[in-house]
Amino acid sequence: MIAVPHPIEARGLAKRYGDVVAVAGVDLTVRYGDVYGFLGPNGAGKTTTMRMLLGLIRPTAGATRLFGRDPLLEGARALDGVAGFVEAPRFYPYLSGRRNLELLADLDGGDARSRIDEALDVVELAPRAAHKVGGYSHGMRQRLGLAAALLRDPRLLILDEPATGLDPAGMRDMRALIRRLADGGITVLLSSHLLAEVDELCDRVAIVRSGHVVYEGALDDLRAAAGSSYRLTTTDDERAERVARAQPGVGGVSRDPDGVRFEAAGDEIVAALSVALVESGVGLLTLVPRTATLEDLFFALTEGPEAEAPVAPPAVEAGT
């Protein structure tokens, strides 16, 4: 059976500017059907990585493939079926939205012009298509950027911070639009620092810190690995704290005026603790679980003690 190339594969991708390491050995795998979140604080190397993925800048080391094609070797042919924008989309402000799309369609050639009306409908800009882009709001320009991407009839969308600068209603509309596109079969790589956006849209993520990936995989797996924390109130919190500290599998035990807090990796451990408390004569009043949020996990990975980072590779040309 012949293996089908993934929409995106990057191995050892690195970029150095003199003594500054912008990206240090990034590995990514975006699979068909993914809505893949690419997360990291400002300056972590997200935009530089995306530019290398598209062949817009040459990596210092490593390689990337789009549907099995190397953009450095195959140029525009490697971008067949790929669309999107890195940083903000750019348009001629003195031309209408439709005219901007017509010019872009002419650059692409083929039947791109025939998709203009459909693209405008999908992003809900048809009523403003004849208006000059200079009069568009930021959110409208972002949606026009998506319309431009759809002219290419993409199988893969690469979007860099599509909701940045939008008001709450604009963010909601952008999330709904990306979800519709993903449900229509388009694979999406979404770079963002808006954690609510990623939590709602994405099934798999890569989190970058200081130019290297500190986690890649399913969001559910990340949450499961973090375990869950609980708050417990009882008839005797002091004794409950002692019982919890002695119970196998229970960690992070502390007590405050709101009760006893602890961490446990599975329901069976919590059940065993409940039994132990009752056997010790402690009555349970409340037991409230709290699963780690994406925000908790993100800050733990990007602001905690620095893990040992991969050493940036020497400055050799990619593909040599």
Protein backbone atom coordinates (compact mmCIF):
# COMPACT_ATOMS: atom_id res chain seq x y z
CA MET A 1 0.00 0.00 0.00
CA ILE A 2 1.42 3.39 -1.04
CA ALA A 3 1.60 5.95 1.78
CA VAL A 4 -0.25 9.19 1.03
CA PRO A 5 1.85 12.28 1.84
CA HIS A 6 0.59 14.49 4.64
CA PRO A 7 -0.55 18.03 3.78
CA ILE A 8 2.38 19.38 5.85
CA GLU A 9 5.52 17.67 7.10
CA ALA A 10 8.47 19.56 8.54
CA ARG A 11 11.56 17.93 9.98
CA GLY A 12 14.39 19.73 11.75
CA LEU A 13 13.24 23.09 10.41
CA ALA A 14 15.54 25.86 11.65
CA LYS A 15 16.28 29.48 10.86
CA ARG A 16 19.22 31.50 12.12
CA TYR A 17 19.88 35.20 11.50
CA GLY A 18 23.52 35.65 12.42
CA ASP A 19 23.76 34.80 16.10
CA VAL A 20 19.97 34.95 16.57
CA VAL A 21 18.13 31.61 16.43
CA ALA A 22 14.55 32.32 15.33
CA VAL A 23 13.54 28.67 14.87
CA ALA A 24 15.45 25.74 16.34
CA GLY A 25 14.67 22.35 14.84
CA VAL A 26 10.86 22.32 14.46
CA ASP A 27 9.07 19.05 13.59
CA LEU A 28 5.42 19.27 12.46
CA THR A 29 2.96 16.83 10.92
CA VAL A 30 -0.42 18.11 9.75
CA ARG A 31 -2.71 15.30 8.63
CA TYR A 32 -5.67 15.30 6.26
CA GLY A 33 -8.75 16.76 7.95
CA ASP A 34 -6.83 18.40 10.79
CA VAL A 35 -7.71 21.79 12.17
CA TYR A 36 -4.21 22.21 13.52
CA GLY A 37 -3.37 24.97 15.97
CA PHE A 38 0.13 26.45 15.90
CA LEU A 39 0.58 28.19 19.24
CA GLY A 40 3.25 30.20 20.97
CA PRO A 41 3.90 33.58 22.55
CA ASN A 42 4.93 36.52 20.39
CA GLY A 43 8.48 36.03 19.15
CA ALA A 44 8.37 32.24 19.52
CA GLY A 45 9.03 31.70 15.78
CA LYS A 46 5.52 30.95 14.48
CA THR A 47 5.50 33.35 11.51
CA THR A 48 9.07 32.48 10.53
CA THR A 49 8.14 28.79 10.55
CA MET A 50 5.08 29.42 8.38
CA ARG A 51 7.17 31.38 5.88
CA MET A 52 9.57 28.46 5.65
CA LEU A 53 6.69 26.01 5.20
CA LEU A 54 5.55 27.98 2.15
CA GLY A 55 9.03 28.43 0.72
CA LEU A 56 8.94 32.20 1.23
CA ILE A 57 12.25 32.10 3.10
CA ARG A 58 14.99 29.48 2.97
CA PRO A 59 15.60 27.52 6.17
CA THR A 60 19.08 27.35 7.64
CA ALA A 61 18.54 23.62 8.06
CA GLY A 62 15.79 21.03 7.80
CA ALA A 63 13.14 20.45 5.17
CA THR A 64 9.43 20.85 4.62
CA ARG A 65 6.93 19.10 2.34
CA LEU A 66 3.46 20.18 1.23
CA PHE A 67 1.57 17.11 0.03
CA GLY A 68 5.01 15.55 -0.44
CA ARG A 69 6.42 18.44 -2.48
CA ASP A 70 9.39 20.61 -1.50
CA PRO A 71 8.59 24.30 -2.16
CA LEU A 72 12.29 25.15 -2.41
CA LEU A 73 12.79 22.65 -5.22
CA GLU A 74 9.41 22.77 -6.99
CA GLY A 75 8.51 26.43 -6.50
CA ALA A 76 4.92 27.35 -7.30
CA ARG A 77 4.09 23.75 -8.25
CA ALA A 78 4.56 22.77 -4.61
CA LEU A 79 1.79 25.23 -3.65
CA ASP A 80 -0.86 23.55 -5.78
CA GLY A 81 -3.88 23.08 -3.51
CA VAL A 82 -2.37 25.37 -0.84
CA ALA A 83 -3.66 28.85 0.04
CA GLY A 84 -3.92 31.31 2.90
CA PHE A 85 -1.98 34.26 4.24
CA VAL A 86 0.98 34.93 6.51
CA GLU A 87 0.56 38.06 8.60
CA ALA A 88 -2.22 40.35 7.33
CA PRO A 89 -3.58 39.95 3.78
CA ARG A 90 -2.78 42.89 1.50
CA PHE A 91 -5.04 44.50 -1.12
CA TYR A 92 -5.22 47.62 -3.28
CA PRO A 93 -7.30 49.97 -1.09
CA TYR A 94 -8.48 52.10 -4.02
CA LEU A 95 -10.03 49.11 -5.82
CA SER A 96 -13.18 47.24 -4.92
CA GLY A 97 -13.13 43.90 -3.18
CA ARG A 98 -14.30 42.20 -6.36
CA ARG A 99 -11.67 43.91 -8.51
CA ASN A 100 -8.93 42.83 -6.10
CA LEU A 101 -10.15 39.26 -6.37
CA GLU A 102 -10.28 39.50 -10.16
CA LEU A 103 -6.63 40.55 -10.30
CA LEU A 104 -5.61 37.71 -7.99
CA ALA A 105 -7.65 35.24 -10.03
CA ASP A 106 -5.91 36.40 -13.21
CA LEU A 107 -2.56 35.71 -11.55
CA ASP A 108 -3.64 32.17 -10.69
CA GLY A 109 -5.20 31.57 -14.09
CA GLY A 110 -7.32 28.55 -14.86
CA ASP A 111 -10.91 28.79 -13.64
CA ALA A 112 -10.13 30.92 -10.58
CA ARG A 113 -12.35 33.77 -11.87
CA SER A 114 -15.35 31.44 -11.90
CA ARG A 115 -15.06 31.00 -8.13
CA ILE A 116 -15.20 34.72 -7.20
CA ASP A 117 -18.95 34.88 -6.57
CA GLU A 118 -18.93 31.70 -4.52
CA ALA A 119 -15.95 32.89 -2.46
CA LEU A 120 -17.64 36.22 -1.73
CA ASP A 121 -20.79 34.39 -0.66
CA VAL A 122 -18.87 32.02 1.62
CA VAL A 123 -17.18 34.89 3.49
CA GLU A 124 -20.41 36.95 3.44
CA LEU A 125 -18.94 39.88 1.54
CA ALA A 126 -21.13 39.78 -1.57
CA PRO A 127 -23.12 42.89 -0.52
CA ARG A 128 -19.88 44.90 -0.17
CA ALA A 129 -18.02 43.44 -3.15
CA ALA A 130 -18.37 46.64 -5.21
CA HIS A 131 -17.06 48.87 -2.41
CA LYS A 132 -13.45 50.02 -2.19
CA VAL A 133 -11.31 47.95 0.16
CA GLY A 134 -10.04 51.18 1.76
CA GLY A 135 -13.46 51.51 3.36
CA TYR A 136 -13.50 47.95 4.73
CA SER A 137 -13.19 47.24 8.43
CA HIS A 138 -10.29 45.09 9.63
CA GLY A 139 -12.59 42.09 9.89
CA MET A 140 -13.85 42.57 6.36
CA ARG A 141 -10.28 42.68 5.04
CA GLN A 142 -9.51 39.46 6.91
CA ARG A 143 -12.56 37.83 5.32
CA LEU A 144 -11.53 39.14 1.91
CA GLY A 145 -8.17 37.46 2.52
CA LEU A 146 -9.99 34.17 3.03
CA ALA A 147 -12.02 34.77 -0.11
CA ALA A 148 -8.76 35.28 -2.03
CA ALA A 149 -7.48 31.99 -0.65
CA LEU A 150 -10.65 30.18 -1.71
CA LEU A 151 -10.13 31.23 -5.34
CA ARG A 152 -7.39 28.57 -5.46
CA ASP A 153 -9.88 25.83 -4.50
CA PRO A 154 -7.48 24.78 -1.71
CA ARG A 155 -7.11 21.47 0.06
CA LEU A 156 -4.91 23.14 2.67
CA LEU A 157 -5.40 26.57 4.25
CA ILE A 158 -2.54 28.21 6.16
CA LEU A 159 -3.81 31.12 8.24
CA ASP A 160 -1.61 33.36 10.36
CA GLU A 161 -3.55 35.06 13.19
CA PRO A 162 -6.80 35.41 11.22
CA ALA A 163 -8.76 36.83 14.18
CA THR A 164 -6.14 39.27 15.51
CA GLY A 165 -7.54 42.77 15.86
CA LEU A 166 -11.16 41.71 15.49
CA ASP A 167 -13.86 42.67 17.95
CA PRO A 168 -15.72 39.84 19.76
CA ALA A 169 -18.39 39.60 17.06
CA GLY A 170 -15.71 39.51 14.35
CA MET A 171 -13.84 36.76 16.20
CA ARG A 172 -17.03 34.73 16.48
CA ASP A 173 -17.76 35.14 12.77
CA MET A 174 -14.18 34.22 11.81
CA ARG A 175 -14.31 31.06 13.95
CA ALA A 176 -17.63 30.07 12.39
CA LEU A 177 -16.23 30.63 8.90
CA ILE A 178 -13.09 28.54 9.55
CA ARG A 179 -15.25 25.77 11.03
CA ARG A 180 -17.47 25.74 7.93
CA LEU A 181 -14.41 25.48 5.68
CA ALA A 182 -12.96 22.65 7.77
CA ASP A 183 -16.29 20.81 7.79
CA GLY A 184 -16.21 21.13 4.00
CA GLY A 185 -13.05 19.00 3.88
CA ILE A 186 -10.27 21.62 3.91
CA THR A 187 -7.27 20.94 6.15
CA VAL A 188 -6.38 24.04 8.20
CA LEU A 189 -3.15 25.15 9.86
CA LEU A 190 -4.09 28.01 12.16
CA SER A 191 -1.44 30.12 13.86
CA SER A 192 -2.87 32.01 16.81
CA HIS A 193 -2.22 33.31 20.29
CA LEU A 194 -5.99 33.47 21.00
CA LEU A 195 -6.41 30.36 23.11
CA ALA A 196 -10.21 30.39 23.10
CA GLU A 197 -10.13 30.35 19.30
CA VAL A 198 -7.80 27.35 19.23
CA ASP A 199 -9.70 25.52 21.98
CA GLU A 200 -12.94 25.84 20.03
CA LEU A 201 -11.59 25.05 16.56
CA CYS A 202 -8.56 22.78 16.77
CA ASP A 203 -8.21 19.05 17.37
CA ARG A 204 -4.40 18.91 17.24
CA VAL A 205 -1.82 21.52 18.23
CA ALA A 206 1.86 22.32 18.26
CA ILE A 207 3.08 24.67 20.99
CA VAL A 208 6.36 26.46 20.37
CA ARG A 209 8.67 28.16 22.83
CA SER A 210 11.88 29.98 21.95
CA GLY A 211 11.86 28.53 18.44
CA HIS A 212 11.30 24.86 19.30
CA VAL A 213 8.23 22.66 19.75
CA VAL A 214 7.46 21.80 23.37
CA TYR A 215 4.30 19.81 22.54
CA GLU A 216 2.72 18.37 19.41
CA GLY A 217 -0.36 16.17 19.41
CA ALA A 218 -4.06 15.99 20.20
CA LEU A 219 -5.51 18.55 22.58
CA ASP A 220 -7.33 15.76 24.42
CA ASP A 221 -4.05 13.90 24.95
CA LEU A 222 -2.43 17.06 26.32
CA ARG A 223 -5.26 17.51 28.81
CA ALA A 224 -5.17 13.84 29.79
CA ALA A 225 -1.42 13.96 30.41
CA ALA A 226 -1.91 16.96 32.68
CA GLY A 227 -4.42 15.05 34.81
CA SER A 228 -7.17 16.75 36.78
CA SER A 229 -7.29 18.71 39.99
CA TYR A 230 -10.07 18.60 42.56
CA ARG A 231 -11.44 20.66 45.41
CA LEU A 232 -12.79 18.75 48.38
CA THR A 233 -14.77 20.04 51.38
CA THR A 234 -15.49 17.76 54.30
CA THR A 235 -16.59 17.68 57.92
CA ASP A 236 -12.92 17.69 58.95
CA ASP A 237 -10.63 19.23 56.34
CA GLU A 238 -7.53 18.87 58.50
CA ARG A 239 -7.96 15.11 58.77
CA ALA A 240 -8.98 14.92 55.09
CA GLU A 241 -5.69 16.56 54.14
CA ARG A 242 -3.73 13.92 56.09
CA VAL A 243 -5.69 11.08 54.48
CA ALA A 244 -5.19 12.54 51.00
CA ARG A 245 -1.43 12.90 51.50
CA ALA A 246 -1.21 9.24 52.47
CA GLN A 247 -3.35 7.96 49.59
CA PRO A 248 -1.48 6.33 46.63
CA GLY A 249 -1.84 8.21 43.35
CA VAL A 250 -2.91 11.48 44.99
CA GLY A 251 -0.57 14.45 44.69
CA GLY A 252 -0.43 18.22 44.94
CA VAL A 253 -2.34 18.17 48.21
CA SER A 254 -2.92 21.52 49.90
CA ARG A 255 -5.48 23.04 52.23
CA ASP A 256 -6.94 26.55 52.27
CA PRO A 257 -10.12 28.18 53.63
CA ASP A 258 -12.10 26.78 50.66
CA GLY A 259 -11.18 23.16 51.38
CA VAL A 260 -8.60 20.59 50.35
CA ARG A 261 -7.11 20.63 46.85
CA PHE A 262 -5.42 17.65 45.23
CA GLU A 263 -4.48 16.14 41.88
CA ALA A 264 -5.27 12.64 40.62
CA ALA A 265 -4.78 10.96 37.25
CA GLY A 266 -7.92 8.81 37.16
CA ASP A 267 -11.43 8.29 38.51
CA GLU A 268 -10.41 5.12 40.30
CA ILE A 269 -7.88 7.07 42.42
CA VAL A 270 -10.53 9.63 43.37
CA ALA A 271 -12.96 6.82 44.26
CA ALA A 272 -10.34 5.14 46.44
CA LEU A 273 -9.69 8.44 48.24
CA SER A 274 -13.42 8.87 48.87
CA VAL A 275 -13.58 5.41 50.44
CA ALA A 276 -10.49 6.11 52.57
CA LEU A 277 -12.00 9.36 53.84
CA VAL A 278 -15.24 7.67 54.86
CA GLU A 279 -13.33 4.86 56.58
CA SER A 280 -11.39 7.53 58.50
CA GLY A 281 -14.62 9.05 59.78
CA VAL A 282 -14.52 12.08 57.47
CA GLY A 283 -17.80 13.10 55.86
CA LEU A 284 -17.68 14.39 52.25
CA LEU A 285 -19.57 17.61 51.60
CA THR A 286 -18.39 18.49 48.06
CA LEU A 287 -15.97 17.03 45.53
CA VAL A 288 -15.49 19.31 42.52
CA PRO A 289 -13.23 18.32 39.59
CA ARG A 290 -11.34 20.92 37.56
CA THR A 291 -9.80 19.82 34.27
CA ALA A 292 -6.86 21.88 33.12
CA THR A 293 -7.81 24.48 30.52
CA LEU A 294 -5.79 25.12 27.38
CA GLU A 295 -4.70 28.40 28.97
CA ASP A 296 -3.34 26.50 32.01
CA LEU A 297 -1.46 24.07 29.78
CA PHE A 298 -0.15 26.78 27.44
CA PHE A 299 1.34 28.87 30.24
CA ALA A 300 2.78 25.81 31.97
CA LEU A 301 4.61 24.91 28.74
CA THR A 302 5.68 28.40 27.68
CA GLU A 303 6.31 30.19 30.98
CA GLY A 304 7.49 27.41 33.28
CA PRO A 305 11.14 26.47 33.83
CA GLU A 306 12.92 26.36 30.48
CA ALA A 307 13.27 22.80 29.26
CA GLU A 308 16.52 21.94 27.60
CA ALA A 309 16.10 23.20 24.06
CA PRO A 310 17.55 21.56 20.99
CA VAL A 311 20.82 23.06 19.85
CA ALA A 312 20.35 25.09 16.68
CA PRO A 313 22.00 23.39 13.71
CA PRO A 314 24.92 24.94 11.92
CA ALA A 315 24.29 27.37 9.09
CA VAL A 316 24.13 25.08 6.09
CA GLU A 317 21.87 25.51 3.11
CA ALA A 318 18.68 23.47 3.08
CA GLY A 319 18.65 20.70 0.53
CA THR A 320 22.43 20.32 0.49
